[in-house]
Amino acid sequence: TEFDRSGEHVNQMIYDIERQGMQRADKIIAVSHFTRSIIISRYGISGDKVEVVHNGVERNGNGDWTLADTGIRSDEKIVLFLGRITMQKGPEYFLYAARKVLELMSNVKFVMAGSGDMMHRAVELAAELGIGHKVLFTGFLRGHDVQKIYKMADLYVMPSVSEPFGIAPLEALDNDVPVIISKQSGVSEVLIHALKVDFWDVDEIANKVVAVLKYPPLQMTLKQHGNFEVRRLRWKDSAEKCARIYEEMLVAV
């Protein structure tokens, strides 16, 4: 929704278009209960016509990347941010937490994979915080490059300010990468065993990053539980739920 993208600074025209579409719809499918609550409270839509169908994930072919061309040493841990570098995704919180982690651990590299309207500001902020040499900006990645960066990562962090769902944590877990996710996200509803934080609490984000990187048993437990959970979240099941909703609507007509 426009509230996810813009916070409280909504574009009135876009909001009006979204609201009109929701009002005219006979049924609305939201990707999470988090989004459903926004639709009801912010757009004045009756909860009776808003159904929730969570997103899924599919296992892709995995590639192997070497560290040779990245500037990352083989003894460095890699913490990954993958997504649009925009207000909604909370890139600045990732960087503030990174600085706190680096005060406790020096052998960590933070990778920001993605592009967006906050890209230049993120680069500037990393420099201002004195951690520019510890942050790698890859730009937008697609296809096999996404799988390769997951395979390199020791931990994935999603500090989103407002996230309707968030597929990247599922992809990370599907590649055996433990995740730390924002409580302000739809995916937090389906990942019971993931580590969860408020996006603004950079101290807690940093504490959890250090805990995962320093304690292999915790990392292994998060991988095992996470991998079990994502096996239950497949696009086929999401499609079947959508199809049932369509059929119910057709019968009602």
C-alpha atoms as a PDB file:
ATOM      1  CA  THR A   1       0.000   0.000   0.000  1.00  0.00           C
ATOM      2  CA  GLU A   2       0.955   3.661  -0.214  1.00  0.00           C
ATOM      3  CA  PHE A   3       1.463   3.657   3.573  1.00  0.00           C
ATOM      4  CA  ASP A   4       4.120   0.927   3.262  1.00  0.00           C
ATOM      5  CA  ARG A   5       5.932   2.854   0.544  1.00  0.00           C
ATOM      6  CA  SER A   6       5.682   6.366   1.997  1.00  0.00           C
ATOM      7  CA  GLY A   7       4.959   6.103   5.705  1.00  0.00           C
ATOM      8  CA  GLU A   8       2.768   9.002   6.778  1.00  0.00           C
ATOM      9  CA  HIS A   9       3.778  11.117   3.751  1.00  0.00           C
ATOM     10  CA  VAL A  10       1.325   9.523   1.338  1.00  0.00           C
ATOM     11  CA  ASN A  11       0.680  10.672  -2.197  1.00  0.00           C
ATOM     12  CA  GLN A  12      -3.004  11.574  -2.016  1.00  0.00           C
ATOM     13  CA  MET A  13      -3.694  10.680  -5.647  1.00  0.00           C
ATOM     14  CA  ILE A  14      -2.189   7.206  -5.283  1.00  0.00           C
ATOM     15  CA  TYR A  15      -4.036   6.684  -2.005  1.00  0.00           C
ATOM     16  CA  ASP A  16      -7.341   7.673  -3.622  1.00  0.00           C
ATOM     17  CA  ILE A  17      -6.784   5.255  -6.512  1.00  0.00           C
ATOM     18  CA  GLU A  18      -5.939   2.410  -4.129  1.00  0.00           C
ATOM     19  CA  ARG A  19      -8.934   3.142  -1.914  1.00  0.00           C
ATOM     20  CA  GLN A  20     -11.329   3.356  -4.858  1.00  0.00           C
ATOM     21  CA  GLY A  21     -10.066   0.032  -6.191  1.00  0.00           C
ATOM     22  CA  MET A  22     -10.508  -1.602  -2.795  1.00  0.00           C
ATOM     23  CA  GLN A  23     -14.007  -0.186  -2.386  1.00  0.00           C
ATOM     24  CA  ARG A  24     -15.074  -1.505  -5.790  1.00  0.00           C
ATOM     25  CA  ALA A  25     -13.567  -4.946  -5.271  1.00  0.00           C
ATOM     26  CA  ASP A  26     -15.800  -7.793  -4.135  1.00  0.00           C
ATOM     27  CA  LYS A  27     -12.874  -9.451  -2.395  1.00  0.00           C
ATOM     28  CA  ILE A  28      -9.331  -8.336  -1.513  1.00  0.00           C
ATOM     29  CA  ILE A  29      -6.424 -10.729  -1.049  1.00  0.00           C
ATOM     30  CA  ALA A  30      -3.733  -9.402   1.306  1.00  0.00           C
ATOM     31  CA  VAL A  31      -0.313 -11.043   1.594  1.00  0.00           C
ATOM     32  CA  SER A  32      -0.338 -10.839   5.412  1.00  0.00           C
ATOM     33  CA  HIS A  33      -2.470  -9.991   8.437  1.00  0.00           C
ATOM     34  CA  PHE A  34      -0.177  -6.972   8.820  1.00  0.00           C
ATOM     35  CA  THR A  35      -1.329  -5.684   5.415  1.00  0.00           C
ATOM     36  CA  ARG A  36      -4.932  -6.669   6.116  1.00  0.00           C
ATOM     37  CA  SER A  37      -4.941  -4.459   9.215  1.00  0.00           C
ATOM     38  CA  ILE A  38      -3.636  -1.502   7.170  1.00  0.00           C
ATOM     39  CA  ILE A  39      -6.343  -2.008   4.545  1.00  0.00           C
ATOM     40  CA  ILE A  40      -9.042  -2.046   7.213  1.00  0.00           C
ATOM     41  CA  SER A  41      -7.758   0.786   9.410  1.00  0.00           C
ATOM     42  CA  ARG A  42      -6.286   3.136   6.788  1.00  0.00           C
ATOM     43  CA  TYR A  43      -8.638   2.603   3.864  1.00  0.00           C
ATOM     44  CA  GLY A  44     -11.893   2.031   5.741  1.00  0.00           C
ATOM     45  CA  ILE A  45     -12.518  -1.368   4.162  1.00  0.00           C
ATOM     46  CA  SER A  46     -14.704  -3.960   5.873  1.00  0.00           C
ATOM     47  CA  GLY A  47     -12.693  -6.864   7.237  1.00  0.00           C
ATOM     48  CA  ASP A  48     -15.298  -9.277   5.869  1.00  0.00           C
ATOM     49  CA  LYS A  49     -13.984  -8.879   2.345  1.00  0.00           C
ATOM     50  CA  VAL A  50     -10.240  -9.016   3.064  1.00  0.00           C
ATOM     51  CA  GLU A  51      -8.660 -12.491   2.939  1.00  0.00           C
ATOM     52  CA  VAL A  52      -5.035 -13.328   3.747  1.00  0.00           C
ATOM     53  CA  VAL A  53      -2.852 -15.543   1.560  1.00  0.00           C
ATOM     54  CA  HIS A  54       0.805 -15.552   2.522  1.00  0.00           C
ATOM     55  CA  ASN A  55       3.516 -15.569  -0.138  1.00  0.00           C
ATOM     56  CA  GLY A  56       5.676 -18.609  -0.775  1.00  0.00           C
ATOM     57  CA  VAL A  57       9.133 -19.478  -2.042  1.00  0.00           C
ATOM     58  CA  GLU A  58      10.559 -21.994  -4.511  1.00  0.00           C
ATOM     59  CA  ARG A  59      13.983 -23.572  -4.369  1.00  0.00           C
ATOM     60  CA  ASN A  60      16.211 -22.389  -7.199  1.00  0.00           C
ATOM     61  CA  GLY A  61      19.405 -23.796  -8.598  1.00  0.00           C
ATOM     62  CA  ASN A  62      22.311 -22.706  -6.453  1.00  0.00           C
ATOM     63  CA  GLY A  63      25.503 -21.160  -7.789  1.00  0.00           C
ATOM     64  CA  ASP A  64      28.899 -20.852  -6.185  1.00  0.00           C
ATOM     65  CA  TRP A  65      30.661 -17.511  -5.982  1.00  0.00           C
ATOM     66  CA  THR A  66      34.204 -16.901  -4.894  1.00  0.00           C
ATOM     67  CA  LEU A  67      35.239 -13.940  -2.777  1.00  0.00           C
ATOM     68  CA  ALA A  68      38.113 -13.036  -5.075  1.00  0.00           C
ATOM     69  CA  ASP A  69      36.377 -10.175  -6.882  1.00  0.00           C
ATOM     70  CA  THR A  70      34.456  -8.744  -3.935  1.00  0.00           C
ATOM     71  CA  GLY A  71      37.195  -7.388  -1.698  1.00  0.00           C
ATOM     72  CA  ILE A  72      35.932  -9.623   1.117  1.00  0.00           C
ATOM     73  CA  ARG A  73      38.534 -11.689   2.959  1.00  0.00           C
ATOM     74  CA  SER A  74      37.911 -15.384   3.505  1.00  0.00           C
ATOM     75  CA  ASP A  75      38.060 -14.894   7.289  1.00  0.00           C
ATOM     76  CA  GLU A  76      35.351 -12.207   7.290  1.00  0.00           C
ATOM     77  CA  LYS A  77      31.740 -12.909   8.204  1.00  0.00           C
ATOM     78  CA  ILE A  78      29.182 -11.564   5.738  1.00  0.00           C
ATOM     79  CA  VAL A  79      25.961  -9.870   6.852  1.00  0.00           C
ATOM     80  CA  LEU A  80      23.558  -9.297   3.965  1.00  0.00           C
ATOM     81  CA  PHE A  81      20.901  -6.677   3.226  1.00  0.00           C
ATOM     82  CA  LEU A  82      19.104  -7.528  -0.034  1.00  0.00           C
ATOM     83  CA  GLY A  83      16.275  -5.376  -1.324  1.00  0.00           C
ATOM     84  CA  ARG A  84      15.367  -1.955  -2.628  1.00  0.00           C
ATOM     85  CA  ILE A  85      17.377   0.757  -0.907  1.00  0.00           C
ATOM     86  CA  THR A  86      14.371   2.904  -0.042  1.00  0.00           C
ATOM     87  CA  MET A  87      12.747   4.375   3.061  1.00  0.00           C
ATOM     88  CA  GLN A  88      10.437   1.366   3.369  1.00  0.00           C
ATOM     89  CA  LYS A  89      13.327  -1.098   3.687  1.00  0.00           C
ATOM     90  CA  GLY A  90      15.167   0.725   6.502  1.00  0.00           C
ATOM     91  CA  PRO A  91      18.699   0.770   5.020  1.00  0.00           C
ATOM     92  CA  GLU A  92      19.876   3.418   7.485  1.00  0.00           C
ATOM     93  CA  TYR A  93      19.000   1.151  10.432  1.00  0.00           C
ATOM     94  CA  PHE A  94      21.101  -1.598   8.859  1.00  0.00           C
ATOM     95  CA  LEU A  95      24.067   0.782   8.700  1.00  0.00           C
ATOM     96  CA  TYR A  96      23.647   2.146  12.228  1.00  0.00           C
ATOM     97  CA  ALA A  97      23.505  -1.430  13.521  1.00  0.00           C
ATOM     98  CA  ALA A  98      26.567  -2.292  11.411  1.00  0.00           C
ATOM     99  CA  ARG A  99      28.608   0.387  13.155  1.00  0.00           C
ATOM    100  CA  LYS A 100      27.653  -1.024  16.554  1.00  0.00           C
ATOM    101  CA  VAL A 101      28.566  -4.559  15.471  1.00  0.00           C
ATOM    102  CA  LEU A 102      31.960  -3.393  14.216  1.00  0.00           C
ATOM    103  CA  GLU A 103      32.686  -1.894  17.626  1.00  0.00           C
ATOM    104  CA  LEU A 104      32.547  -5.467  18.960  1.00  0.00           C
ATOM    105  CA  MET A 105      33.756  -7.520  15.978  1.00  0.00           C
ATOM    106  CA  SER A 106      36.225  -6.454  13.313  1.00  0.00           C
ATOM    107  CA  ASN A 107      36.024  -9.471  11.005  1.00  0.00           C
ATOM    108  CA  VAL A 108      32.606  -8.616   9.546  1.00  0.00           C
ATOM    109  CA  LYS A 109      31.661  -7.250   6.135  1.00  0.00           C
ATOM    110  CA  PHE A 110      28.219  -5.788   5.457  1.00  0.00           C
ATOM    111  CA  VAL A 111      26.844  -6.267   1.942  1.00  0.00           C
ATOM    112  CA  MET A 112      23.995  -4.092   0.649  1.00  0.00           C
ATOM    113  CA  ALA A 113      22.593  -5.662  -2.516  1.00  0.00           C
ATOM    114  CA  GLY A 114      20.027  -3.545  -4.320  1.00  0.00           C
ATOM    115  CA  SER A 115      19.306  -0.099  -5.674  1.00  0.00           C
ATOM    116  CA  GLY A 116      16.811   2.661  -4.986  1.00  0.00           C
ATOM    117  CA  ASP A 117      16.295   6.330  -4.248  1.00  0.00           C
ATOM    118  CA  MET A 118      18.272   6.128  -0.980  1.00  0.00           C
ATOM    119  CA  MET A 119      21.310   4.490  -2.562  1.00  0.00           C
ATOM    120  CA  HIS A 120      23.509   7.599  -2.634  1.00  0.00           C
ATOM    121  CA  ARG A 121      22.448   8.580   0.874  1.00  0.00           C
ATOM    122  CA  ALA A 122      23.302   5.087   2.128  1.00  0.00           C
ATOM    123  CA  VAL A 123      26.796   5.326   0.622  1.00  0.00           C
ATOM    124  CA  GLU A 124      27.258   8.748   2.228  1.00  0.00           C
ATOM    125  CA  LEU A 125      25.969   7.514   5.588  1.00  0.00           C
ATOM    126  CA  ALA A 126      28.367   4.563   5.596  1.00  0.00           C
ATOM    127  CA  ALA A 127      31.232   7.027   5.060  1.00  0.00           C
ATOM    128  CA  GLU A 128      29.938   9.410   7.741  1.00  0.00           C
ATOM    129  CA  LEU A 129      29.759   6.541  10.227  1.00  0.00           C
ATOM    130  CA  GLY A 130      33.352   5.616   9.440  1.00  0.00           C
ATOM    131  CA  ILE A 131      32.448   2.163   8.138  1.00  0.00           C
ATOM    132  CA  GLY A 132      32.622   2.762   4.392  1.00  0.00           C
ATOM    133  CA  HIS A 133      35.502   0.280   4.052  1.00  0.00           C
ATOM    134  CA  LYS A 134      33.351  -2.376   5.741  1.00  0.00           C
ATOM    135  CA  VAL A 135      30.257  -1.967   3.561  1.00  0.00           C
ATOM    136  CA  LEU A 136      30.025  -3.342   0.025  1.00  0.00           C
ATOM    137  CA  PHE A 137      27.332  -1.924  -2.274  1.00  0.00           C
ATOM    138  CA  THR A 138      26.688  -4.350  -5.142  1.00  0.00           C
ATOM    139  CA  GLY A 139      23.903  -2.518  -6.945  1.00  0.00           C
ATOM    140  CA  PHE A 140      20.865  -4.384  -8.272  1.00  0.00           C
ATOM    141  CA  LEU A 141      21.269  -8.167  -8.569  1.00  0.00           C
ATOM    142  CA  ARG A 142      19.151 -10.615 -10.539  1.00  0.00           C
ATOM    143  CA  GLY A 143      18.894 -14.312 -11.312  1.00  0.00           C
ATOM    144  CA  HIS A 144      21.836 -16.494 -10.382  1.00  0.00           C
ATOM    145  CA  ASP A 145      23.691 -13.567  -8.822  1.00  0.00           C
ATOM    146  CA  VAL A 146      21.030 -13.454  -6.103  1.00  0.00           C
ATOM    147  CA  GLN A 147      21.552 -17.142  -5.341  1.00  0.00           C
ATOM    148  CA  LYS A 148      25.314 -16.624  -5.303  1.00  0.00           C
ATOM    149  CA  ILE A 149      25.168 -13.775  -2.796  1.00  0.00           C
ATOM    150  CA  TYR A 150      22.943 -15.856  -0.506  1.00  0.00           C
ATOM    151  CA  LYS A 151      25.508 -18.653  -0.651  1.00  0.00           C
ATOM    152  CA  MET A 152      28.207 -16.243   0.492  1.00  0.00           C
ATOM    153  CA  ALA A 153      26.208 -14.815   3.404  1.00  0.00           C
ATOM    154  CA  ASP A 154      26.464 -15.865   7.044  1.00  0.00           C
ATOM    155  CA  LEU A 155      23.389 -13.866   8.064  1.00  0.00           C
ATOM    156  CA  TYR A 156      20.542 -11.963   6.406  1.00  0.00           C
ATOM    157  CA  VAL A 157      19.029  -8.868   8.060  1.00  0.00           C
ATOM    158  CA  MET A 158      15.726  -7.246   7.036  1.00  0.00           C
ATOM    159  CA  PRO A 159      15.120  -4.033   9.064  1.00  0.00           C
ATOM    160  CA  SER A 160      12.042  -2.950   7.087  1.00  0.00           C
ATOM    161  CA  VAL A 161      10.022  -0.015   8.406  1.00  0.00           C
ATOM    162  CA  SER A 162       6.815  -1.394   6.892  1.00  0.00           C
ATOM    163  CA  GLU A 163       6.799  -4.610   4.859  1.00  0.00           C
ATOM    164  CA  PRO A 164       3.562  -6.132   3.497  1.00  0.00           C
ATOM    165  CA  PHE A 165       5.295  -9.509   3.425  1.00  0.00           C
ATOM    166  CA  GLY A 166       8.991  -9.807   2.524  1.00  0.00           C
ATOM    167  CA  ILE A 167      10.033 -12.749   0.356  1.00  0.00           C
ATOM    168  CA  ALA A 168      13.800 -12.278   0.740  1.00  0.00           C
ATOM    169  CA  PRO A 169      13.951 -13.869   4.239  1.00  0.00           C
ATOM    170  CA  LEU A 170      12.276 -16.985   2.819  1.00  0.00           C
ATOM    171  CA  GLU A 171      14.827 -17.085   0.004  1.00  0.00           C
ATOM    172  CA  ALA A 172      17.641 -16.674   2.524  1.00  0.00           C
ATOM    173  CA  LEU A 173      16.395 -19.544   4.683  1.00  0.00           C
ATOM    174  CA  ASP A 174      15.895 -21.651   1.573  1.00  0.00           C
ATOM    175  CA  ASN A 175      19.635 -21.149   1.018  1.00  0.00           C
ATOM    176  CA  ASP A 176      20.472 -22.078   4.629  1.00  0.00           C
ATOM    177  CA  VAL A 177      21.118 -18.496   5.733  1.00  0.00           C
ATOM    178  CA  PRO A 178      19.705 -17.544   9.176  1.00  0.00           C
ATOM    179  CA  VAL A 179      17.654 -14.356   9.293  1.00  0.00           C
ATOM    180  CA  ILE A 180      16.905 -11.397  11.545  1.00  0.00           C
ATOM    181  CA  ILE A 181      13.652  -9.725  10.529  1.00  0.00           C
ATOM    182  CA  SER A 182      11.628  -6.660  11.417  1.00  0.00           C
ATOM    183  CA  LYS A 183       8.537  -7.193  13.548  1.00  0.00           C
ATOM    184  CA  GLN A 184       6.898  -4.644  11.247  1.00  0.00           C
ATOM    185  CA  SER A 185       6.600  -7.194   8.436  1.00  0.00           C
ATOM    186  CA  GLY A 186       4.153  -9.763   7.158  1.00  0.00           C
ATOM    187  CA  VAL A 187       6.774 -12.501   6.964  1.00  0.00           C
ATOM    188  CA  SER A 188       7.185 -12.358  10.748  1.00  0.00           C
ATOM    189  CA  GLU A 189       3.743 -14.002  10.932  1.00  0.00           C
ATOM    190  CA  VAL A 190       4.958 -17.195   9.261  1.00  0.00           C
ATOM    191  CA  LEU A 191       8.565 -17.434  10.484  1.00  0.00           C
ATOM    192  CA  ILE A 192       8.042 -18.431  14.081  1.00  0.00           C
ATOM    193  CA  HIS A 193      11.656 -19.230  14.919  1.00  0.00           C
ATOM    194  CA  ALA A 194      13.358 -16.295  13.186  1.00  0.00           C
ATOM    195  CA  LEU A 195      14.979 -13.625  15.344  1.00  0.00           C
ATOM    196  CA  LYS A 196      12.679 -10.582  15.334  1.00  0.00           C
ATOM    197  CA  VAL A 197      13.381  -6.949  16.164  1.00  0.00           C
ATOM    198  CA  ASP A 198      11.726  -3.557  16.006  1.00  0.00           C
ATOM    199  CA  PHE A 199      13.289  -1.842  13.000  1.00  0.00           C
ATOM    200  CA  TRP A 200      14.307   1.238  15.016  1.00  0.00           C
ATOM    201  CA  ASP A 201      16.103  -0.726  17.755  1.00  0.00           C
ATOM    202  CA  VAL A 202      19.595  -0.750  16.267  1.00  0.00           C
ATOM    203  CA  ASP A 203      21.103  -1.843  19.590  1.00  0.00           C
ATOM    204  CA  GLU A 204      19.006  -5.002  19.573  1.00  0.00           C
ATOM    205  CA  ILE A 205      19.713  -5.620  15.887  1.00  0.00           C
ATOM    206  CA  ALA A 206      23.441  -5.357  16.610  1.00  0.00           C
ATOM    207  CA  ASN A 207      23.184  -7.623  19.666  1.00  0.00           C
ATOM    208  CA  LYS A 208      21.428 -10.304  17.651  1.00  0.00           C
ATOM    209  CA  VAL A 209      23.892 -10.029  14.764  1.00  0.00           C
ATOM    210  CA  VAL A 210      26.815 -10.528  17.152  1.00  0.00           C
ATOM    211  CA  ALA A 211      25.069 -13.453  18.860  1.00  0.00           C
ATOM    212  CA  VAL A 212      24.467 -15.280  15.577  1.00  0.00           C
ATOM    213  CA  LEU A 213      27.976 -14.667  14.246  1.00  0.00           C
ATOM    214  CA  LYS A 214      29.758 -15.595  17.484  1.00  0.00           C
ATOM    215  CA  TYR A 215      27.764 -18.670  18.471  1.00  0.00           C
ATOM    216  CA  PRO A 216      27.659 -21.393  15.783  1.00  0.00           C
ATOM    217  CA  PRO A 217      25.098 -23.520  17.700  1.00  0.00           C
ATOM    218  CA  LEU A 218      22.614 -20.616  17.560  1.00  0.00           C
ATOM    219  CA  GLN A 219      23.318 -20.151  13.853  1.00  0.00           C
ATOM    220  CA  MET A 220      22.735 -23.866  13.206  1.00  0.00           C
ATOM    221  CA  THR A 221      19.494 -23.917  15.208  1.00  0.00           C
ATOM    222  CA  LEU A 222      18.133 -20.935  13.272  1.00  0.00           C
ATOM    223  CA  LYS A 223      19.060 -22.598   9.974  1.00  0.00           C
ATOM    224  CA  GLN A 224      17.390 -25.885  10.886  1.00  0.00           C
ATOM    225  CA  HIS A 225      14.167 -24.366  12.196  1.00  0.00           C
ATOM    226  CA  GLY A 226      14.017 -21.875   9.347  1.00  0.00           C
ATOM    227  CA  ASN A 227      14.563 -24.504   6.672  1.00  0.00           C
ATOM    228  CA  PHE A 228      11.754 -26.587   8.161  1.00  0.00           C
ATOM    229  CA  GLU A 229       9.405 -23.591   8.124  1.00  0.00           C
ATOM    230  CA  VAL A 230      10.073 -22.544   4.528  1.00  0.00           C
ATOM    231  CA  ARG A 231       9.362 -26.053   3.276  1.00  0.00           C
ATOM    232  CA  ARG A 232       5.751 -25.394   4.298  1.00  0.00           C
ATOM    233  CA  LEU A 233       5.570 -22.146   2.316  1.00  0.00           C
ATOM    234  CA  ARG A 234       5.370 -22.975  -1.386  1.00  0.00           C
ATOM    235  CA  TRP A 235       3.809 -20.950  -4.181  1.00  0.00           C
ATOM    236  CA  LYS A 236       1.668 -23.943  -5.155  1.00  0.00           C
ATOM    237  CA  ASP A 237      -0.148 -23.741  -1.821  1.00  0.00           C
ATOM    238  CA  SER A 238      -0.599 -19.966  -2.130  1.00  0.00           C
ATOM    239  CA  ALA A 239      -2.028 -20.415  -5.637  1.00  0.00           C
ATOM    240  CA  GLU A 240      -4.480 -23.051  -4.424  1.00  0.00           C
ATOM    241  CA  LYS A 241      -5.731 -20.731  -1.670  1.00  0.00           C
ATOM    242  CA  CYS A 242      -6.236 -17.930  -4.205  1.00  0.00           C
ATOM    243  CA  ALA A 243      -8.070 -20.316  -6.538  1.00  0.00           C
ATOM    244  CA  ARG A 244     -10.459 -21.311  -3.726  1.00  0.00           C
ATOM    245  CA  ILE A 245     -11.253 -17.661  -3.058  1.00  0.00           C
ATOM    246  CA  TYR A 246     -11.928 -17.088  -6.785  1.00  0.00           C
ATOM    247  CA  GLU A 247     -14.228 -20.126  -6.890  1.00  0.00           C
ATOM    248  CA  GLU A 248     -16.161 -18.941  -3.847  1.00  0.00           C
ATOM    249  CA  MET A 249     -16.694 -15.567  -5.495  1.00  0.00           C
ATOM    250  CA  LEU A 250     -17.898 -17.152  -8.738  1.00  0.00           C
ATOM    251  CA  VAL A 251     -20.362 -19.352  -6.863  1.00  0.00           C
ATOM    252  CA  ALA A 252     -21.655 -16.297  -5.002  1.00  0.00           C
ATOM    253  CA  VAL A 253     -22.369 -14.600  -8.340  1.00  0.00           C
END
